[in-house]
């Protein structure tokens, strides 16, 4: 894969930011999330034209050959705008799993299609509990038929294909299913966060294609990069709602001066800045560790997972308090960030779960 410099990464992010600033501002986001799909396909096509959907796909399949550091940086931009497309599932997890498949005749066309923006992938990787580190509830038989239920599948209603984690005997494997095939039933979840569409999927003897050579080790790696990517998304959102709050404190006047000059609010803002920078450091450090395949990559990934989720929730909650009564209205952007922060506490597993995993990993080093 190409060796990306810091300047290359910054150029990718600036391109992405210009696009989202133009096509995914708050007004447009509110319009899109009220639609049935909750997803802007025209924007996705523009992202493909700029190479963003092929960020983690090798050049020979039409991508630009980036890895998790590039994805984390791009998702900081996406998080700032609460971008609601299926980026992590389609452009981060799916390419990693497909590129590991030893059957190139199966994987290569799908990788090409993702890079061109023509295919959207969902990932069914956990039981209805929502914990991606727990036992799976989907099983496969010798005929490559799937049965069982998966929960918390992001953007399944917009996907063409789904990669399903399933038990097969004593092992686990990954299977490719078409969303429109028989035996696949989709049930949308009802949530307060319309920026992400979650669903349950039930499989009843659904015919699938097995990704040969993809097993438990690769599933663990896919979860790693998903957690780091989501951490980046949380960092971007946390920084944006913090900046919006500081802007408000500097423009809202009381007693003839900006309220941001009041000592108590200065202290609160300083504490929130620490939360923002801690989250940023955790996400970027984890991305570097995973990219380098460092021995500490697991523990740093878990640290980033719960730190970024918890800090996003803290900053979003305090932002509402610092804005005062105006932020309690549904029309204020603070609510969009608060709702995404609430969802982020549970995607791929709870922050408490990843805190426990972090502590257990740290105990092994003592």
Protein backbone atom coordinates (compact mmCIF):
# COMPACT_ATOMS: atom_id res chain seq x y z
CA UNK A 1 0.00 0.00 0.00
CA UNK A 2 1.16 3.60 -0.57
CA UNK A 3 2.98 5.31 2.26
CA UNK A 4 0.85 8.33 3.13
CA UNK A 5 2.53 11.41 4.55
CA UNK A 6 0.93 13.79 7.03
CA UNK A 7 0.47 16.23 4.16
CA UNK A 8 -1.34 13.56 2.10
CA UNK A 9 -3.65 12.83 5.00
CA UNK A 10 -4.37 16.52 5.52
CA UNK A 11 -5.15 16.95 1.83
CA UNK A 12 -7.67 14.08 1.97
CA UNK A 13 -9.31 15.63 5.03
CA UNK A 14 -9.48 19.10 3.49
CA UNK A 15 -11.13 17.68 0.38
CA UNK A 16 -13.65 15.78 2.49
CA UNK A 17 -14.35 18.84 4.65
CA UNK A 18 -15.01 21.07 1.66
CA UNK A 19 -17.48 18.54 0.32
CA UNK A 20 -19.33 18.12 3.62
CA UNK A 21 -19.37 21.85 4.30
CA UNK A 22 -21.09 22.32 0.95
CA UNK A 23 -23.39 19.29 0.90
CA UNK A 24 -23.88 18.21 4.52
CA UNK A 25 -24.47 21.31 6.60
CA UNK A 26 -27.04 21.25 9.39
CA UNK A 27 -29.93 22.27 7.13
CA UNK A 28 -29.21 19.53 4.61
CA UNK A 29 -28.61 16.96 7.35
CA UNK A 30 -32.00 17.67 8.91
CA UNK A 31 -33.65 17.27 5.52
CA UNK A 32 -31.94 13.94 4.83
CA UNK A 33 -32.65 12.33 8.19
CA UNK A 34 -36.36 12.92 7.72
CA UNK A 35 -36.39 10.82 4.53
CA UNK A 36 -37.16 7.11 4.56
CA UNK A 37 -33.58 6.08 3.80
CA UNK A 38 -31.95 8.75 5.96
CA UNK A 39 -29.07 8.74 3.51
CA UNK A 40 -27.91 11.08 0.73
CA UNK A 41 -26.98 8.88 -2.24
CA UNK A 42 -25.95 11.87 -4.36
CA UNK A 43 -23.38 12.87 -1.74
CA UNK A 44 -22.12 9.27 -1.63
CA UNK A 45 -21.57 9.39 -5.39
CA UNK A 46 -19.56 12.60 -5.02
CA UNK A 47 -17.46 11.00 -2.30
CA UNK A 48 -16.72 8.15 -4.71
CA UNK A 49 -15.62 10.59 -7.40
CA UNK A 50 -13.12 12.06 -4.95
CA UNK A 51 -11.78 8.63 -4.03
CA UNK A 52 -13.13 8.72 -0.47
CA UNK A 53 -15.10 5.48 -0.73
CA UNK A 54 -11.94 3.72 -1.88
CA UNK A 55 -9.81 5.12 0.93
CA UNK A 56 -8.90 1.67 2.34
CA UNK A 57 -8.94 -0.23 -0.95
CA UNK A 58 -5.77 -1.07 -2.85
CA UNK A 59 -5.04 0.85 -6.09
CA UNK A 60 -5.35 -2.34 -8.17
CA UNK A 61 -9.03 -2.47 -7.13
CA UNK A 62 -9.61 1.21 -7.85
CA UNK A 63 -8.87 2.60 -4.39
CA UNK A 64 -6.16 4.88 -3.05
CA UNK A 65 -4.56 2.40 -0.66
CA UNK A 66 -4.93 4.09 2.71
CA UNK A 67 -5.26 2.37 6.07
CA UNK A 68 -6.62 3.07 9.51
CA UNK A 69 -4.68 6.30 10.11
CA UNK A 70 -6.21 7.80 6.98
CA UNK A 71 -9.65 6.45 7.90
CA UNK A 72 -9.45 7.83 11.45
CA UNK A 73 -8.49 11.25 10.14
CA UNK A 74 -11.28 11.23 7.54
CA UNK A 75 -13.84 10.18 10.13
CA UNK A 76 -12.88 13.08 12.37
CA UNK A 77 -14.11 15.25 9.50
CA UNK A 78 -17.24 13.12 9.07
CA UNK A 79 -18.00 13.28 12.80
CA UNK A 80 -17.79 17.06 12.84
CA UNK A 81 -20.68 17.19 10.38
CA UNK A 82 -22.49 14.18 11.90
CA UNK A 83 -22.22 12.57 8.48
CA UNK A 84 -24.81 9.82 8.42
CA UNK A 85 -23.67 7.60 5.56
CA UNK A 86 -22.53 3.95 5.90
CA UNK A 87 -18.85 4.85 5.81
CA UNK A 88 -17.48 2.63 8.58
CA UNK A 89 -19.30 -0.50 7.42
CA UNK A 90 -18.77 -0.01 3.69
CA UNK A 91 -15.43 1.79 3.43
CA UNK A 92 -13.58 0.60 6.54
CA UNK A 93 -14.75 -2.84 7.70
CA UNK A 94 -15.90 -4.37 4.41
CA UNK A 95 -12.65 -3.60 2.51
CA UNK A 96 -10.57 -5.07 5.33
CA UNK A 97 -12.57 -8.32 5.39
CA UNK A 98 -12.89 -8.65 1.61
CA UNK A 99 -9.21 -7.95 0.98
CA UNK A 100 -8.33 -10.79 3.38
CA UNK A 101 -10.45 -13.28 1.43
CA UNK A 102 -8.31 -15.79 -0.47
CA UNK A 103 -10.93 -16.09 -3.23
CA UNK A 104 -10.05 -13.08 -5.36
CA UNK A 105 -12.76 -13.86 -7.89
CA UNK A 106 -15.30 -13.24 -5.13
CA UNK A 107 -13.65 -10.30 -3.37
CA UNK A 108 -12.11 -8.23 -6.17
CA UNK A 109 -15.36 -7.22 -7.95
CA UNK A 110 -16.91 -6.12 -4.67
CA UNK A 111 -13.86 -4.07 -3.71
CA UNK A 112 -13.96 -2.39 -7.12
CA UNK A 113 -17.66 -1.70 -6.70
CA UNK A 114 -17.14 -0.14 -3.25
CA UNK A 115 -14.36 2.09 -4.57
CA UNK A 116 -16.63 3.26 -7.39
CA UNK A 117 -19.44 4.03 -4.94
CA UNK A 118 -21.74 1.46 -6.52
CA UNK A 119 -22.11 -0.91 -3.56
CA UNK A 120 -23.06 -0.37 0.06
CA UNK A 121 -22.22 -2.99 2.68
CA UNK A 122 -23.70 -3.65 6.09
CA UNK A 123 -21.90 -5.73 8.71
CA UNK A 124 -23.92 -8.14 10.86
CA UNK A 125 -21.36 -8.86 13.53
CA UNK A 126 -23.15 -9.26 16.82
CA UNK A 127 -26.09 -10.86 18.58
CA UNK A 128 -29.20 -8.84 19.54
CA UNK A 129 -27.34 -7.77 22.71
CA UNK A 130 -25.25 -5.35 20.64
CA UNK A 131 -21.94 -6.57 22.08
CA UNK A 132 -19.51 -7.38 19.27
CA UNK A 133 -17.21 -9.21 21.68
CA UNK A 134 -19.92 -11.68 22.81
CA UNK A 135 -21.09 -15.00 21.33
CA UNK A 136 -22.67 -14.85 17.91
CA UNK A 137 -26.30 -15.82 17.37
CA UNK A 138 -26.00 -16.77 13.69
CA UNK A 139 -24.91 -20.23 12.57
CA UNK A 140 -23.91 -21.61 9.17
CA UNK A 141 -24.26 -25.15 7.88
CA UNK A 142 -22.26 -27.14 5.35
CA UNK A 143 -24.46 -25.79 2.54
CA UNK A 144 -23.50 -22.18 3.44
CA UNK A 145 -27.00 -21.46 4.71
CA UNK A 146 -27.34 -18.99 7.58
CA UNK A 147 -29.84 -19.09 10.43
CA UNK A 148 -30.15 -16.84 13.46
CA UNK A 149 -30.41 -13.19 14.39
CA UNK A 150 -28.00 -10.26 14.36
CA UNK A 151 -28.66 -6.89 15.98
CA UNK A 152 -27.60 -3.26 15.70
CA UNK A 153 -26.75 -3.48 11.99
CA UNK A 154 -26.00 0.04 10.76
CA UNK A 155 -27.56 1.19 7.46
CA UNK A 156 -28.80 -2.28 6.57
CA UNK A 157 -31.83 -0.78 4.82
CA UNK A 158 -29.55 1.04 2.36
CA UNK A 159 -27.14 -1.85 1.80
CA UNK A 160 -26.87 -4.06 -1.27
CA UNK A 161 -24.85 -6.72 0.54
CA UNK A 162 -24.13 -7.75 4.10
CA UNK A 163 -21.11 -9.45 5.60
CA UNK A 164 -22.37 -11.77 8.33
CA UNK A 165 -20.32 -13.25 11.15
CA UNK A 166 -21.50 -16.79 11.86
CA UNK A 167 -20.57 -19.84 13.90
CA UNK A 168 -19.66 -22.92 11.91
CA UNK A 169 -18.92 -25.81 14.20
CA UNK A 170 -16.26 -24.69 16.67
CA UNK A 171 -15.05 -21.89 14.40
CA UNK A 172 -16.36 -18.54 13.20
CA UNK A 173 -16.42 -17.35 9.61
CA UNK A 174 -17.67 -14.44 7.50
CA UNK A 175 -20.36 -14.86 4.84
CA UNK A 176 -21.58 -12.61 2.06
CA UNK A 177 -25.34 -12.32 1.54
CA UNK A 178 -27.43 -10.18 -0.75
CA UNK A 179 -29.92 -8.09 1.16
CA UNK A 180 -32.67 -8.84 -1.35
CA UNK A 181 -32.30 -12.63 -1.16
CA UNK A 182 -34.87 -14.97 0.37
CA UNK A 183 -34.37 -15.87 3.98
CA UNK A 184 -33.15 -12.37 4.95
CA UNK A 185 -35.57 -10.29 7.03
CA UNK A 186 -34.87 -6.76 8.13
CA UNK A 187 -36.50 -5.03 11.11
CA UNK A 188 -35.60 -1.34 11.66
CA UNK A 189 -34.89 -0.25 15.23
CA UNK A 190 -36.72 2.74 16.66
CA UNK A 191 -34.21 5.20 18.09
CA UNK A 192 -34.05 8.88 18.95
CA UNK A 193 -30.95 9.33 16.79
CA UNK A 194 -32.15 9.64 13.20
CA UNK A 195 -28.62 10.27 11.92
CA UNK A 196 -27.92 6.54 12.18
CA UNK A 197 -30.35 3.86 11.04
CA UNK A 198 -30.05 0.60 13.00
CA UNK A 199 -31.77 -2.68 12.22
CA UNK A 200 -32.07 -6.28 13.31
CA UNK A 201 -31.55 -9.01 10.72
CA UNK A 202 -33.06 -12.49 10.88
CA UNK A 203 -31.69 -15.26 8.68
CA UNK A 204 -33.73 -18.36 7.90
CA UNK A 205 -31.72 -20.75 5.75
CA UNK A 206 -30.39 -17.74 3.83
CA UNK A 207 -27.97 -18.82 1.11
CA UNK A 208 -24.57 -17.12 1.45
CA UNK A 209 -21.06 -17.16 0.07
CA UNK A 210 -18.26 -17.88 2.50
CA UNK A 211 -15.23 -15.59 2.51
CA UNK A 212 -12.51 -18.22 2.34
CA UNK A 213 -9.54 -17.59 4.59
CA UNK A 214 -11.36 -15.11 6.82
CA UNK A 215 -11.65 -16.24 10.43
CA UNK A 216 -11.61 -15.16 14.07
CA UNK A 217 -8.30 -13.29 13.79
CA UNK A 218 -9.57 -11.17 10.93
CA UNK A 219 -12.89 -10.52 12.67
CA UNK A 220 -10.95 -9.21 15.67
CA UNK A 221 -8.89 -6.94 13.40
CA UNK A 222 -12.06 -5.66 11.73
CA UNK A 223 -13.48 -4.77 15.15
CA UNK A 224 -10.23 -3.01 16.01
CA UNK A 225 -10.29 -0.75 12.99
CA UNK A 226 -14.03 -0.14 13.40
CA UNK A 227 -13.51 1.00 16.99
CA UNK A 228 -10.64 3.28 16.00
CA UNK A 229 -12.65 4.69 13.09
CA UNK A 230 -15.63 5.33 15.36
CA UNK A 231 -13.31 6.92 17.91
CA UNK A 232 -12.19 9.32 15.19
CA UNK A 233 -15.81 10.10 14.38
CA UNK A 234 -16.47 10.83 18.05
CA UNK A 235 -13.42 13.11 18.22
CA UNK A 236 -14.62 15.14 15.25
CA UNK A 237 -18.10 15.53 16.71
CA UNK A 238 -16.75 16.35 20.16
CA UNK A 239 -14.46 19.06 18.82
CA UNK A 240 -17.23 20.58 16.69
CA UNK A 241 -19.82 20.84 19.47
CA UNK A 242 -17.10 22.23 21.77
CA UNK A 243 -16.20 24.90 19.20
CA UNK A 244 -19.86 25.77 18.70
CA UNK A 245 -20.20 26.20 22.45
CA UNK A 246 -17.12 28.44 22.72
CA UNK A 247 -18.44 30.55 19.85
CA UNK A 248 -21.73 30.95 21.72
CA UNK A 249 -19.95 31.91 24.96
CA UNK A 250 -18.06 34.60 23.07
CA UNK A 251 -21.13 36.10 21.37
CA UNK A 252 -23.80 35.84 24.09
CA UNK A 253 -23.69 39.01 26.19
CA UNK A 254 -24.84 39.59 29.75
CA UNK A 255 -24.10 42.64 31.90
CA UNK A 256 -22.34 44.23 28.95
CA UNK A 257 -19.78 41.50 28.31
CA UNK A 258 -19.56 38.04 26.69
CA UNK A 259 -20.58 35.32 29.14
CA UNK A 260 -17.38 33.47 28.21
CA UNK A 261 -15.50 35.96 30.38
CA UNK A 262 -17.27 34.79 33.52
CA UNK A 263 -14.85 32.84 35.69
CA UNK A 264 -17.12 29.86 36.31
CA UNK A 265 -17.78 29.36 32.59
CA UNK A 266 -14.08 29.72 31.81
CA UNK A 267 -13.35 26.85 34.16
CA UNK A 268 -16.06 24.69 32.63
CA UNK A 269 -14.77 25.40 29.12
CA UNK A 270 -11.21 24.56 30.16
CA UNK A 271 -12.34 21.23 31.59
CA UNK A 272 -14.18 20.43 28.35
CA UNK A 273 -11.11 21.28 26.29
CA UNK A 274 -9.19 18.67 28.26
CA UNK A 275 -11.89 16.11 27.39
CA UNK A 276 -11.60 17.03 23.70
CA UNK A 277 -7.80 16.75 23.62
CA UNK A 278 -7.76 13.50 25.61
CA UNK A 279 -10.16 11.93 23.13
CA UNK A 280 -8.15 13.19 20.17
CA UNK A 281 -4.90 11.81 21.56
CA UNK A 282 -6.47 8.43 22.36
CA UNK A 283 -7.95 7.99 18.88
CA UNK A 284 -4.86 9.03 16.95
CA UNK A 285 -2.49 7.04 19.14
CA UNK A 286 -4.66 3.93 18.69
CA UNK A 287 -4.70 4.44 14.91
CA UNK A 288 -0.91 4.59 14.81
CA UNK A 289 -0.60 1.47 16.97
CA UNK A 290 -3.03 -0.54 14.83
CA UNK A 291 -1.33 0.60 11.62
CA UNK A 292 2.05 -0.48 13.00
CA UNK A 293 0.60 -3.75 14.37
CA UNK A 294 2.11 -2.83 17.72
CA UNK A 295 1.74 -5.26 20.65
CA UNK A 296 -0.20 -2.55 22.48
CA UNK A 297 -2.74 -2.08 19.69
CA UNK A 298 -5.52 -3.97 21.48
CA UNK A 299 -5.23 -2.11 24.76
CA UNK A 300 -4.95 1.26 22.99
CA UNK A 301 -7.99 0.46 20.86
CA UNK A 302 -10.10 -0.32 23.91
CA UNK A 303 -8.81 2.87 25.59
CA UNK A 304 -9.84 4.94 22.57
CA UNK A 305 -13.21 3.20 22.34
CA UNK A 306 -14.45 4.13 25.81
CA UNK A 307 -12.54 7.41 26.17
CA UNK A 308 -13.86 8.92 22.96
CA UNK A 309 -17.43 7.69 23.51
CA UNK A 310 -17.56 8.92 27.11
CA UNK A 311 -15.89 12.25 26.40
CA UNK A 312 -18.23 12.92 23.48
CA UNK A 313 -21.21 12.32 25.74
CA UNK A 314 -19.76 14.54 28.48
CA UNK A 315 -18.97 17.44 26.15
CA UNK A 316 -22.34 17.19 24.39
CA UNK A 317 -24.19 17.23 27.71
CA UNK A 318 -22.20 20.19 29.05
CA UNK A 319 -22.66 22.03 25.76
CA UNK A 320 -26.40 21.98 26.31
CA UNK A 321 -25.91 23.33 29.83
CA UNK A 322 -23.57 26.10 28.68
CA UNK A 323 -25.94 27.16 25.92
CA UNK A 324 -28.72 27.54 28.46
CA UNK A 325 -32.41 27.31 27.57
CA UNK A 326 -31.87 27.73 23.83
CA UNK A 327 -30.12 24.34 23.55
CA UNK A 328 -33.09 22.51 25.05
CA UNK A 329 -35.07 23.11 21.89
CA UNK A 330 -35.12 20.41 19.22
CA UNK A 331 -34.13 22.98 16.61
CA UNK A 332 -30.71 23.58 18.16
CA UNK A 333 -27.76 21.59 16.74
CA UNK A 334 -26.62 20.61 20.24
CA UNK A 335 -29.44 18.05 20.32
CA UNK A 336 -28.20 16.34 17.18
CA UNK A 337 -24.77 15.90 18.76
CA UNK A 338 -26.24 14.76 22.07
CA UNK A 339 -28.31 12.07 20.36
CA UNK A 340 -25.36 10.82 18.32
CA UNK A 341 -23.31 10.73 21.53
CA UNK A 342 -25.97 8.58 23.17
CA UNK A 343 -25.93 6.16 20.24
CA UNK A 344 -22.15 6.10 20.26
CA UNK A 345 -22.17 4.79 23.83
CA UNK A 346 -23.48 1.46 22.53
CA UNK A 347 -22.31 0.88 18.95
CA UNK A 348 -20.02 -2.16 18.75
CA UNK A 349 -20.50 -2.60 22.51
CA UNK A 350 -20.91 -0.36 25.53
CA UNK A 351 -18.14 1.93 26.71
CA UNK A 352 -18.28 0.04 30.03
CA UNK A 353 -17.54 -3.19 28.18
CA UNK A 354 -14.48 -1.72 26.48
CA UNK A 355 -13.32 -0.20 29.77
CA UNK A 356 -13.43 -3.69 31.31
CA UNK A 357 -11.50 -5.13 28.37
CA UNK A 358 -8.92 -2.37 28.70
CA UNK A 359 -8.44 -3.06 32.39
CA UNK A 360 -8.15 -6.81 31.83
CA UNK A 361 -5.49 -6.20 29.16
CA UNK A 362 -3.61 -3.84 31.47
CA UNK A 363 -3.64 -6.41 34.29
CA UNK A 364 -1.76 -8.84 32.04
CA UNK A 365 1.12 -6.37 31.81
CA UNK A 366 1.54 -6.06 35.58
